[in-house]
């Protein structure tokens, strides 16, 4: 059974843009998230309840052509949030600018 569990992870590399768009619902912007952009190189997104961290990393790569270094998730009243740290030093700021958040 463990081999069957590994197959979905291998399939995430063939994720389509439509599948990625279903996982990443919207950027999440507050005053606190602006501080995270500047100080921690992180952006926040509302994501699908069933999205895994690996799927979120892949979806960010496909949708925004940005490399995520790590993802932390939290379930809140608003839904599931993903806090994405980017590999490039100005990755969060560049993506926030591209999305029109700053």
PDB file of N, CA and C in Angstrom:
ATOM      1  N   UNK A   1       0.809  -1.198   0.000  1.00  0.00           N
ATOM      2  CA  UNK A   1       0.000   0.000   0.000  1.00  0.00           C
ATOM      3  C   UNK A   1       0.852   1.261   0.000  1.00  0.00           C
ATOM      4  N   UNK A   2       2.029   1.199   0.582  1.00  0.00           N
ATOM      5  CA  UNK A   2       2.854   2.395   0.629  1.00  0.00           C
ATOM      6  C   UNK A   2       3.264   2.836  -0.779  1.00  0.00           C
ATOM      7  N   UNK A   3       3.432   1.895  -1.702  1.00  0.00           N
ATOM      8  CA  UNK A   3       3.745   2.276  -3.078  1.00  0.00           C
ATOM      9  C   UNK A   3       2.576   3.018  -3.714  1.00  0.00           C
ATOM     10  N   UNK A   4       1.368   2.605  -3.401  1.00  0.00           N
ATOM     11  CA  UNK A   4       0.184   3.300  -3.928  1.00  0.00           C
ATOM     12  C   UNK A   4       0.112   4.718  -3.370  1.00  0.00           C
ATOM     13  N   UNK A   5       0.543   4.900  -2.125  1.00  0.00           N
ATOM     14  CA  UNK A   5       0.553   6.229  -1.521  1.00  0.00           C
ATOM     15  C   UNK A   5       1.568   7.146  -2.203  1.00  0.00           C
ATOM     16  N   UNK A   6       2.655   6.565  -2.703  1.00  0.00           N
ATOM     17  CA  UNK A   6       3.691   7.364  -3.347  1.00  0.00           C
ATOM     18  C   UNK A   6       3.296   7.810  -4.747  1.00  0.00           C
ATOM     19  N   UNK A   7       2.421   7.086  -5.419  1.00  0.00           N
ATOM     20  CA  UNK A   7       2.055   7.431  -6.783  1.00  0.00           C
ATOM     21  C   UNK A   7       1.368   8.790  -6.914  1.00  0.00           C
ATOM     22  N   UNK A   8       0.433   9.179  -6.046  1.00  0.00           N
ATOM     23  CA  UNK A   8      -0.159  10.511  -6.190  1.00  0.00           C
ATOM     24  C   UNK A   8       0.872  11.624  -6.084  1.00  0.00           C
ATOM     25  N   UNK A   9       1.889  11.452  -5.254  1.00  0.00           N
ATOM     26  CA  UNK A   9       2.934  12.469  -5.136  1.00  0.00           C
ATOM     27  C   UNK A   9       3.690  12.609  -6.457  1.00  0.00           C
ATOM     28  N   UNK A  10       3.918  11.487  -7.143  1.00  0.00           N
ATOM     29  CA  UNK A  10       4.605  11.536  -8.429  1.00  0.00           C
ATOM     30  C   UNK A  10       3.719  12.187  -9.486  1.00  0.00           C
ATOM     31  N   UNK A  11       2.412  12.053  -9.357  1.00  0.00           N
ATOM     32  CA  UNK A  11       1.493  12.627 -10.331  1.00  0.00           C
ATOM     33  C   UNK A  11       1.386  14.135 -10.193  1.00  0.00           C
ATOM     34  N   UNK A  12       1.742  14.724  -9.039  1.00  0.00           N
ATOM     35  CA  UNK A  12       1.636  16.166  -8.865  1.00  0.00           C
ATOM     36  C   UNK A  12       2.548  16.917  -9.824  1.00  0.00           C
ATOM     37  N   UNK A  13       3.639  16.278 -10.295  1.00  0.00           N
ATOM     38  CA  UNK A  13       4.517  16.940 -11.241  1.00  0.00           C
ATOM     39  C   UNK A  13       3.832  17.132 -12.594  1.00  0.00           C
ATOM     40  N   UNK A  14       2.766  16.391 -12.844  1.00  0.00           N
ATOM     41  CA  UNK A  14       2.033  16.560 -14.095  1.00  0.00           C
ATOM     42  C   UNK A  14       0.748  17.350 -13.874  1.00  0.00           C
ATOM     43  N   UNK A  15       0.718  18.170 -12.838  1.00  0.00           N
ATOM     44  CA  UNK A  15      -0.445  18.991 -12.524  1.00  0.00           C
ATOM     45  C   UNK A  15      -0.681  20.010 -13.638  1.00  0.00           C
ATOM     46  N   UNK A  16      -1.925  20.160 -14.029  1.00  0.00           N
ATOM     47  CA  UNK A  16      -2.270  21.140 -15.054  1.00  0.00           C
ATOM     48  C   UNK A  16      -2.548  22.490 -14.409  1.00  0.00           C
ATOM     49  N   UNK A  17      -2.590  23.525 -15.228  1.00  0.00           N
ATOM     50  CA  UNK A  17      -2.884  24.867 -14.724  1.00  0.00           C
ATOM     51  C   UNK A  17      -4.285  24.929 -14.123  1.00  0.00           C
ATOM     52  N   UNK A  18      -5.221  24.166 -14.695  1.00  0.00           N
ATOM     53  CA  UNK A  18      -6.591  24.147 -14.168  1.00  0.00           C
ATOM     54  C   UNK A  18      -6.626  23.526 -12.781  1.00  0.00           C
ATOM     55  N   UNK A  19      -5.877  22.434 -12.597  1.00  0.00           N
ATOM     56  CA  UNK A  19      -5.808  21.789 -11.287  1.00  0.00           C
ATOM     57  C   UNK A  19      -5.143  22.707 -10.266  1.00  0.00           C
ATOM     58  N   UNK A  20      -4.105  23.414 -10.698  1.00  0.00           N
ATOM     59  CA  UNK A  20      -3.414  24.354  -9.812  1.00  0.00           C
ATOM     60  C   UNK A  20      -4.342  25.494  -9.395  1.00  0.00           C
ATOM     61  N   UNK A  21      -5.145  25.978 -10.333  1.00  0.00           N
ATOM     62  CA  UNK A  21      -6.073  27.068 -10.036  1.00  0.00           C
ATOM     63  C   UNK A  21      -7.157  26.645  -9.051  1.00  0.00           C
ATOM     64  N   UNK A  22      -7.499  25.362  -9.042  1.00  0.00           N
ATOM     65  CA  UNK A  22      -8.482  24.857  -8.084  1.00  0.00           C
ATOM     66  C   UNK A  22      -7.864  24.790  -6.683  1.00  0.00           C
ATOM     67  N   UNK A  23      -6.565  24.513  -6.595  1.00  0.00           N
ATOM     68  CA  UNK A  23      -5.893  24.415  -5.297  1.00  0.00           C
ATOM     69  C   UNK A  23      -5.621  25.778  -4.673  1.00  0.00           C
ATOM     70  N   UNK A  24      -5.142  26.724  -5.467  1.00  0.00           N
ATOM     71  CA  UNK A  24      -4.828  28.063  -4.970  1.00  0.00           C
ATOM     72  C   UNK A  24      -6.036  28.949  -5.248  1.00  0.00           C
ATOM     73  N   UNK A  25      -6.771  29.300  -4.201  1.00  0.00           N
ATOM     74  CA  UNK A  25      -8.014  30.048  -4.393  1.00  0.00           C
ATOM     75  C   UNK A  25      -7.765  31.543  -4.596  1.00  0.00           C
ATOM     76  N   UNK A  26      -6.941  32.158  -3.736  1.00  0.00           N
ATOM     77  CA  UNK A  26      -6.694  33.597  -3.837  1.00  0.00           C
ATOM     78  C   UNK A  26      -5.565  33.991  -2.895  1.00  0.00           C
ATOM     79  N   UNK A  27      -4.861  35.078  -3.207  1.00  0.00           N
ATOM     80  CA  UNK A  27      -3.898  35.611  -2.237  1.00  0.00           C
ATOM     81  C   UNK A  27      -4.664  36.117  -1.017  1.00  0.00           C
ATOM     82  N   UNK A  28      -4.044  36.041   0.138  1.00  0.00           N
ATOM     83  CA  UNK A  28      -4.666  36.516   1.370  1.00  0.00           C
ATOM     84  C   UNK A  28      -3.847  37.701   1.872  1.00  0.00           C
ATOM     85  N   UNK A  29      -4.475  38.860   1.956  1.00  0.00           N
ATOM     86  CA  UNK A  29      -3.743  40.076   2.257  1.00  0.00           C
ATOM     87  C   UNK A  29      -4.308  40.763   3.502  1.00  0.00           C
ATOM     88  N   UNK A  30      -3.420  40.997   4.467  1.00  0.00           N
ATOM     89  CA  UNK A  30      -3.728  41.799   5.651  1.00  0.00           C
ATOM     90  C   UNK A  30      -2.491  42.629   5.971  1.00  0.00           C
ATOM     91  N   UNK A  31      -2.590  43.447   7.002  1.00  0.00           N
ATOM     92  CA  UNK A  31      -1.424  44.209   7.424  1.00  0.00           C
ATOM     93  C   UNK A  31      -0.287  43.283   7.843  1.00  0.00           C
ATOM     94  N   UNK A  32      -0.642  42.211   8.531  1.00  0.00           N
ATOM     95  CA  UNK A  32       0.367  41.256   8.988  1.00  0.00           C
ATOM     96  C   UNK A  32       1.059  40.583   7.797  1.00  0.00           C
ATOM     97  N   UNK A  33       0.299  40.269   6.757  1.00  0.00           N
ATOM     98  CA  UNK A  33       0.921  39.598   5.612  1.00  0.00           C
ATOM     99  C   UNK A  33       1.866  40.532   4.856  1.00  0.00           C
ATOM    100  N   UNK A  34       1.591  41.852   4.890  1.00  0.00           N
ATOM    101  CA  UNK A  34       2.542  42.789   4.283  1.00  0.00           C
ATOM    102  C   UNK A  34       3.875  42.750   5.027  1.00  0.00           C
ATOM    103  N   UNK A  35       3.818  42.644   6.345  1.00  0.00           N
ATOM    104  CA  UNK A  35       5.037  42.523   7.143  1.00  0.00           C
ATOM    105  C   UNK A  35       5.775  41.243   6.784  1.00  0.00           C
ATOM    106  N   UNK A  36       5.042  40.146   6.573  1.00  0.00           N
ATOM    107  CA  UNK A  36       5.674  38.881   6.184  1.00  0.00           C
ATOM    108  C   UNK A  36       6.352  38.991   4.828  1.00  0.00           C
ATOM    109  N   UNK A  37       5.757  39.732   3.918  1.00  0.00           N
ATOM    110  CA  UNK A  37       6.367  39.927   2.595  1.00  0.00           C
ATOM    111  C   UNK A  37       7.723  40.600   2.755  1.00  0.00           C
ATOM    112  N   UNK A  38       7.769  41.657   3.553  1.00  0.00           N
ATOM    113  CA  UNK A  38       8.994  42.448   3.714  1.00  0.00           C
ATOM    114  C   UNK A  38      10.064  41.739   4.540  1.00  0.00           C
ATOM    115  N   UNK A  39       9.665  41.153   5.663  1.00  0.00           N
ATOM    116  CA  UNK A  39      10.647  40.621   6.612  1.00  0.00           C
ATOM    117  C   UNK A  39      10.987  39.146   6.402  1.00  0.00           C
ATOM    118  N   UNK A  40      10.005  38.345   5.975  1.00  0.00           N
ATOM    119  CA  UNK A  40      10.214  36.903   5.929  1.00  0.00           C
ATOM    120  C   UNK A  40      10.186  36.305   4.523  1.00  0.00           C
ATOM    121  N   UNK A  41       9.958  37.133   3.506  1.00  0.00           N
ATOM    122  CA  UNK A  41       9.883  36.665   2.119  1.00  0.00           C
ATOM    123  C   UNK A  41       8.771  35.623   1.960  1.00  0.00           C
ATOM    124  N   UNK A  42       7.601  35.894   2.595  1.00  0.00           N
ATOM    125  CA  UNK A  42       6.466  34.974   2.550  1.00  0.00           C
ATOM    126  C   UNK A  42       5.229  35.680   2.019  1.00  0.00           C
ATOM    127  N   UNK A  43       4.422  34.923   1.289  1.00  0.00           N
ATOM    128  CA  UNK A  43       3.107  35.370   0.832  1.00  0.00           C
ATOM    129  C   UNK A  43       2.073  34.381   1.346  1.00  0.00           C
ATOM    130  N   UNK A  44       0.870  34.877   1.619  1.00  0.00           N
ATOM    131  CA  UNK A  44      -0.210  34.023   2.117  1.00  0.00           C
ATOM    132  C   UNK A  44      -1.259  33.831   1.042  1.00  0.00           C
ATOM    133  N   UNK A  45      -1.802  32.624   0.989  1.00  0.00           N
ATOM    134  CA  UNK A  45      -2.848  32.287   0.027  1.00  0.00           C
ATOM    135  C   UNK A  45      -3.950  31.506   0.722  1.00  0.00           C
ATOM    136  N   UNK A  46      -5.177  31.711   0.283  1.00  0.00           N
ATOM    137  CA  UNK A  46      -6.267  30.827   0.665  1.00  0.00           C
ATOM    138  C   UNK A  46      -6.179  29.654  -0.295  1.00  0.00           C
ATOM    139  N   UNK A  47      -6.238  28.445   0.240  1.00  0.00           N
ATOM    140  CA  UNK A  47      -6.098  27.250  -0.592  1.00  0.00           C
ATOM    141  C   UNK A  47      -7.244  26.283  -0.331  1.00  0.00           C
ATOM    142  N   UNK A  48      -7.375  25.327  -1.202  1.00  0.00           N
ATOM    143  CA  UNK A  48      -8.382  24.287  -1.069  1.00  0.00           C
ATOM    144  C   UNK A  48      -8.148  23.500   0.217  1.00  0.00           C
ATOM    145  N   UNK A  49      -9.220  23.065   0.850  1.00  0.00           N
ATOM    146  CA  UNK A  49      -9.134  22.323   2.106  1.00  0.00           C
ATOM    147  C   UNK A  49      -8.330  21.030   1.971  1.00  0.00           C
ATOM    148  N   UNK A  50      -8.332  20.415   0.795  1.00  0.00           N
ATOM    149  CA  UNK A  50      -7.635  19.137   0.618  1.00  0.00           C
ATOM    150  C   UNK A  50      -6.248  19.281  -0.006  1.00  0.00           C
ATOM    151  N   UNK A  51      -5.759  20.489  -0.176  1.00  0.00           N
ATOM    152  CA  UNK A  51      -4.440  20.717  -0.779  1.00  0.00           C
ATOM    153  C   UNK A  51      -3.323  20.334   0.191  1.00  0.00           C
ATOM    154  N   UNK A  52      -2.352  19.593  -0.312  1.00  0.00           N
ATOM    155  CA  UNK A  52      -1.189  19.237   0.498  1.00  0.00           C
ATOM    156  C   UNK A  52      -0.088  20.268   0.277  1.00  0.00           C
ATOM    157  N   UNK A  53       0.913  20.247   1.135  1.00  0.00           N
ATOM    158  CA  UNK A  53       2.013  21.209   1.007  1.00  0.00           C
ATOM    159  C   UNK A  53       2.750  21.033  -0.322  1.00  0.00           C
ATOM    160  N   UNK A  54       2.996  19.784  -0.717  1.00  0.00           N
ATOM    161  CA  UNK A  54       3.685  19.534  -1.986  1.00  0.00           C
ATOM    162  C   UNK A  54       2.845  20.008  -3.169  1.00  0.00           C
ATOM    163  N   UNK A  55       1.548  19.804  -3.105  1.00  0.00           N
ATOM    164  CA  UNK A  55       0.670  20.272  -4.179  1.00  0.00           C
ATOM    165  C   UNK A  55       0.669  21.802  -4.241  1.00  0.00           C
ATOM    166  N   UNK A  56       0.715  22.462  -3.104  1.00  0.00           N
ATOM    167  CA  UNK A  56       0.737  23.925  -3.068  1.00  0.00           C
ATOM    168  C   UNK A  56       2.016  24.448  -3.705  1.00  0.00           C
ATOM    169  N   UNK A  57       3.145  23.833  -3.382  1.00  0.00           N
ATOM    170  CA  UNK A  57       4.428  24.235  -3.979  1.00  0.00           C
ATOM    171  C   UNK A  57       4.370  24.093  -5.500  1.00  0.00           C
ATOM    172  N   UNK A  58       3.841  22.976  -5.964  1.00  0.00           N
ATOM    173  CA  UNK A  58       3.734  22.728  -7.407  1.00  0.00           C
ATOM    174  C   UNK A  58       2.776  23.719  -8.064  1.00  0.00           C
ATOM    175  N   UNK A  59       1.655  24.005  -7.422  1.00  0.00           N
ATOM    176  CA  UNK A  59       0.668  24.939  -7.972  1.00  0.00           C
ATOM    177  C   UNK A  59       1.244  26.357  -8.065  1.00  0.00           C
ATOM    178  N   UNK A  60       2.014  26.769  -7.080  1.00  0.00           N
ATOM    179  CA  UNK A  60       2.656  28.095  -7.110  1.00  0.00           C
ATOM    180  C   UNK A  60       3.624  28.158  -8.286  1.00  0.00           C
ATOM    181  N   UNK A  61       4.375  27.080  -8.494  1.00  0.00           N
ATOM    182  CA  UNK A  61       5.328  27.038  -9.617  1.00  0.00           C
ATOM    183  C   UNK A  61       4.599  27.151 -10.949  1.00  0.00           C
ATOM    184  N   UNK A  62       3.490  26.440 -11.085  1.00  0.00           N
ATOM    185  CA  UNK A  62       2.755  26.435 -12.349  1.00  0.00           C
ATOM    186  C   UNK A  62       2.027  27.762 -12.588  1.00  0.00           C
ATOM    187  N   UNK A  63       1.315  28.253 -11.585  1.00  0.00           N
ATOM    188  CA  UNK A  63       0.496  29.456 -11.769  1.00  0.00           C
ATOM    189  C   UNK A  63       1.311  30.742 -11.854  1.00  0.00           C
ATOM    190  N   UNK A  64       2.330  30.851 -11.011  1.00  0.00           N
ATOM    191  CA  UNK A  64       3.048  32.121 -10.884  1.00  0.00           C
ATOM    192  C   UNK A  64       4.495  32.061 -11.333  1.00  0.00           C
ATOM    193  N   UNK A  65       4.954  30.895 -11.779  1.00  0.00           N
ATOM    194  CA  UNK A  65       6.331  30.708 -12.229  1.00  0.00           C
ATOM    195  C   UNK A  65       7.323  31.183 -11.178  1.00  0.00           C
ATOM    196  N   UNK A  66       7.058  30.810  -9.929  1.00  0.00           N
ATOM    197  CA  UNK A  66       7.924  31.177  -8.807  1.00  0.00           C
ATOM    198  C   UNK A  66       8.246  29.907  -8.029  1.00  0.00           C
ATOM    199  N   UNK A  67       9.463  29.830  -7.512  1.00  0.00           N
ATOM    200  CA  UNK A  67       9.893  28.654  -6.763  1.00  0.00           C
ATOM    201  C   UNK A  67       9.667  28.864  -5.269  1.00  0.00           C
ATOM    202  N   UNK A  68       8.828  28.028  -4.689  1.00  0.00           N
ATOM    203  CA  UNK A  68       8.560  28.075  -3.254  1.00  0.00           C
ATOM    204  C   UNK A  68       9.580  27.212  -2.532  1.00  0.00           C
ATOM    205  N   UNK A  69      10.090  27.716  -1.432  1.00  0.00           N
ATOM    206  CA  UNK A  69      11.079  26.995  -0.637  1.00  0.00           C
ATOM    207  C   UNK A  69      10.393  26.108   0.391  1.00  0.00           C
ATOM    208  N   UNK A  70       9.383  26.653   1.063  1.00  0.00           N
ATOM    209  CA  UNK A  70       8.638  25.882   2.053  1.00  0.00           C
ATOM    210  C   UNK A  70       7.229  26.435   2.183  1.00  0.00           C
ATOM    211  N   UNK A  71       6.346  25.605   2.738  1.00  0.00           N
ATOM    212  CA  UNK A  71       4.948  25.982   2.926  1.00  0.00           C
ATOM    213  C   UNK A  71       4.513  25.581   4.325  1.00  0.00           C
ATOM    214  N   UNK A  72       3.868  26.498   5.018  1.00  0.00           N
ATOM    215  CA  UNK A  72       3.202  26.199   6.281  1.00  0.00           C
ATOM    216  C   UNK A  72       1.724  26.430   6.052  1.00  0.00           C
ATOM    217  N   UNK A  73       0.885  25.567   6.617  1.00  0.00           N
ATOM    218  CA  UNK A  73      -0.555  25.721   6.440  1.00  0.00           C
ATOM    219  C   UNK A  73      -1.232  25.858   7.798  1.00  0.00           C
ATOM    220  N   UNK A  74      -2.410  26.482   7.763  1.00  0.00           N
ATOM    221  CA  UNK A  74      -3.218  26.645   8.971  1.00  0.00           C
ATOM    222  C   UNK A  74      -4.682  26.604   8.576  1.00  0.00           C
ATOM    223  N   UNK A  75      -5.473  25.943   9.386  1.00  0.00           N
ATOM    224  CA  UNK A  75      -6.921  25.938   9.168  1.00  0.00           C
ATOM    225  C   UNK A  75      -7.524  27.013  10.061  1.00  0.00           C
ATOM    226  N   UNK A  76      -8.291  27.912   9.453  1.00  0.00           N
ATOM    227  CA  UNK A  76      -8.889  29.018  10.185  1.00  0.00           C
ATOM    228  C   UNK A  76     -10.386  29.060   9.906  1.00  0.00           C
ATOM    229  N   UNK A  77     -11.056  30.005  10.529  1.00  0.00           N
ATOM    230  CA  UNK A  77     -12.488  30.188  10.292  1.00  0.00           C
ATOM    231  C   UNK A  77     -12.750  30.499   8.816  1.00  0.00           C
ATOM    232  N   UNK A  78     -11.850  31.272   8.194  1.00  0.00           N
ATOM    233  CA  UNK A  78     -12.016  31.637   6.784  1.00  0.00           C
ATOM    234  C   UNK A  78     -11.744  30.470   5.849  1.00  0.00           C
ATOM    235  N   UNK A  79     -11.021  29.473   6.289  1.00  0.00           N
ATOM    236  CA  UNK A  79     -10.638  28.337   5.456  1.00  0.00           C
ATOM    237  C   UNK A  79      -9.170  28.015   5.663  1.00  0.00           C
ATOM    238  N   UNK A  80      -8.619  27.219   4.776  1.00  0.00           N
ATOM    239  CA  UNK A  80      -7.214  26.825   4.888  1.00  0.00           C
ATOM    240  C   UNK A  80      -6.325  27.880   4.257  1.00  0.00           C
ATOM    241  N   UNK A  81      -5.297  28.293   5.003  1.00  0.00           N
ATOM    242  CA  UNK A  81      -4.329  29.277   4.513  1.00  0.00           C
ATOM    243  C   UNK A  81      -2.979  28.602   4.346  1.00  0.00           C
ATOM    244  N   UNK A  82      -2.257  29.045   3.327  1.00  0.00           N
ATOM    245  CA  UNK A  82      -0.890  28.566   3.103  1.00  0.00           C
ATOM    246  C   UNK A  82       0.048  29.759   3.164  1.00  0.00           C
ATOM    247  N   UNK A  83       1.093  29.646   3.960  1.00  0.00           N
ATOM    248  CA  UNK A  83       2.118  30.671   4.069  1.00  0.00           C
ATOM    249  C   UNK A  83       3.326  30.152   3.307  1.00  0.00           C
ATOM    250  N   UNK A  84       3.605  30.775   2.179  1.00  0.00           N
ATOM    251  CA  UNK A  84       4.611  30.270   1.238  1.00  0.00           C
ATOM    252  C   UNK A  84       5.867  31.123   1.316  1.00  0.00           C
ATOM    253  N   UNK A  85       6.997  30.476   1.627  1.00  0.00           N
ATOM    254  CA  UNK A  85       8.293  31.153   1.623  1.00  0.00           C
ATOM    255  C   UNK A  85       8.964  30.866   0.285  1.00  0.00           C
ATOM    256  N   UNK A  86       9.498  31.910  -0.334  1.00  0.00           N
ATOM    257  CA  UNK A  86      10.063  31.782  -1.673  1.00  0.00           C
ATOM    258  C   UNK A  86      11.568  31.592  -1.645  1.00  0.00           C
ATOM    259  N   UNK A  87      12.074  30.902  -2.661  1.00  0.00           N
ATOM    260  CA  UNK A  87      13.492  30.576  -2.760  1.00  0.00           C
ATOM    261  C   UNK A  87      14.331  31.814  -3.070  1.00  0.00           C
ATOM    262  N   UNK A  88      13.841  32.685  -3.941  1.00  0.00           N
ATOM    263  CA  UNK A  88      14.601  33.872  -4.310  1.00  0.00           C
ATOM    264  C   UNK A  88      14.426  34.941  -3.239  1.00  0.00           C
ATOM    265  N   UNK A  89      15.476  35.733  -2.967  1.00  0.00           N
ATOM    266  CA  UNK A  89      15.427  36.721  -1.889  1.00  0.00           C
ATOM    267  C   UNK A  89      14.251  37.715  -1.977  1.00  0.00           C
ATOM    268  N   UNK A  90      13.884  38.139  -3.148  1.00  0.00           N
ATOM    269  CA  UNK A  90      12.781  39.090  -3.317  1.00  0.00           C
ATOM    270  C   UNK A  90      11.555  38.429  -3.951  1.00  0.00           C
ATOM    271  N   UNK A  91      11.456  37.113  -3.839  1.00  0.00           N
ATOM    272  CA  UNK A  91      10.387  36.364  -4.486  1.00  0.00           C
ATOM    273  C   UNK A  91       8.997  36.790  -4.064  1.00  0.00           C
ATOM    274  N   UNK A  92       8.768  36.966  -2.766  1.00  0.00           N
ATOM    275  CA  UNK A  92       7.438  37.355  -2.271  1.00  0.00           C
ATOM    276  C   UNK A  92       7.077  38.759  -2.744  1.00  0.00           C
ATOM    277  N   UNK A  93       8.018  39.679  -2.651  1.00  0.00           N
ATOM    278  CA  UNK A  93       7.744  41.057  -3.074  1.00  0.00           C
ATOM    279  C   UNK A  93       7.490  41.129  -4.577  1.00  0.00           C
ATOM    280  N   UNK A  94       8.283  40.415  -5.359  1.00  0.00           N
ATOM    281  CA  UNK A  94       8.093  40.417  -6.814  1.00  0.00           C
ATOM    282  C   UNK A  94       6.732  39.849  -7.202  1.00  0.00           C
ATOM    283  N   UNK A  95       6.336  38.748  -6.580  1.00  0.00           N
ATOM    284  CA  UNK A  95       5.044  38.143  -6.890  1.00  0.00           C
ATOM    285  C   UNK A  95       3.900  39.030  -6.412  1.00  0.00           C
ATOM    286  N   UNK A  96       4.041  39.634  -5.237  1.00  0.00           N
ATOM    287  CA  UNK A  96       3.004  40.538  -4.731  1.00  0.00           C
ATOM    288  C   UNK A  96       2.816  41.723  -5.674  1.00  0.00           C
ATOM    289  N   UNK A  97       3.922  42.234  -6.205  1.00  0.00           N
ATOM    290  CA  UNK A  97       3.857  43.341  -7.162  1.00  0.00           C
ATOM    291  C   UNK A  97       3.183  42.870  -8.454  1.00  0.00           C
ATOM    292  N   UNK A  98       3.554  41.692  -8.926  1.00  0.00           N
ATOM    293  CA  UNK A  98       2.963  41.129 -10.148  1.00  0.00           C
ATOM    294  C   UNK A  98       1.466  40.926 -10.005  1.00  0.00           C
ATOM    295  N   UNK A  99       1.023  40.535  -8.798  1.00  0.00           N
ATOM    296  CA  UNK A  99      -0.399  40.304  -8.542  1.00  0.00           C
ATOM    297  C   UNK A  99      -1.165  41.584  -8.211  1.00  0.00           C
ATOM    298  N   UNK A 100      -0.443  42.712  -8.072  1.00  0.00           N
ATOM    299  CA  UNK A 100      -1.081  43.980  -7.758  1.00  0.00           C
ATOM    300  C   UNK A 100      -1.461  44.128  -6.300  1.00  0.00           C
ATOM    301  N   UNK A 101      -0.767  43.420  -5.417  1.00  0.00           N
ATOM    302  CA  UNK A 101      -1.062  43.488  -3.988  1.00  0.00           C
ATOM    303  C   UNK A 101      -0.353  44.632  -3.293  1.00  0.00           C
ATOM    304  N   UNK A 102       0.769  45.066  -3.849  1.00  0.00           N
ATOM    305  CA  UNK A 102       1.510  46.192  -3.264  1.00  0.00           C
ATOM    306  C   UNK A 102       1.656  47.315  -4.267  1.00  0.00           C
TER     307      UNK A 102
END
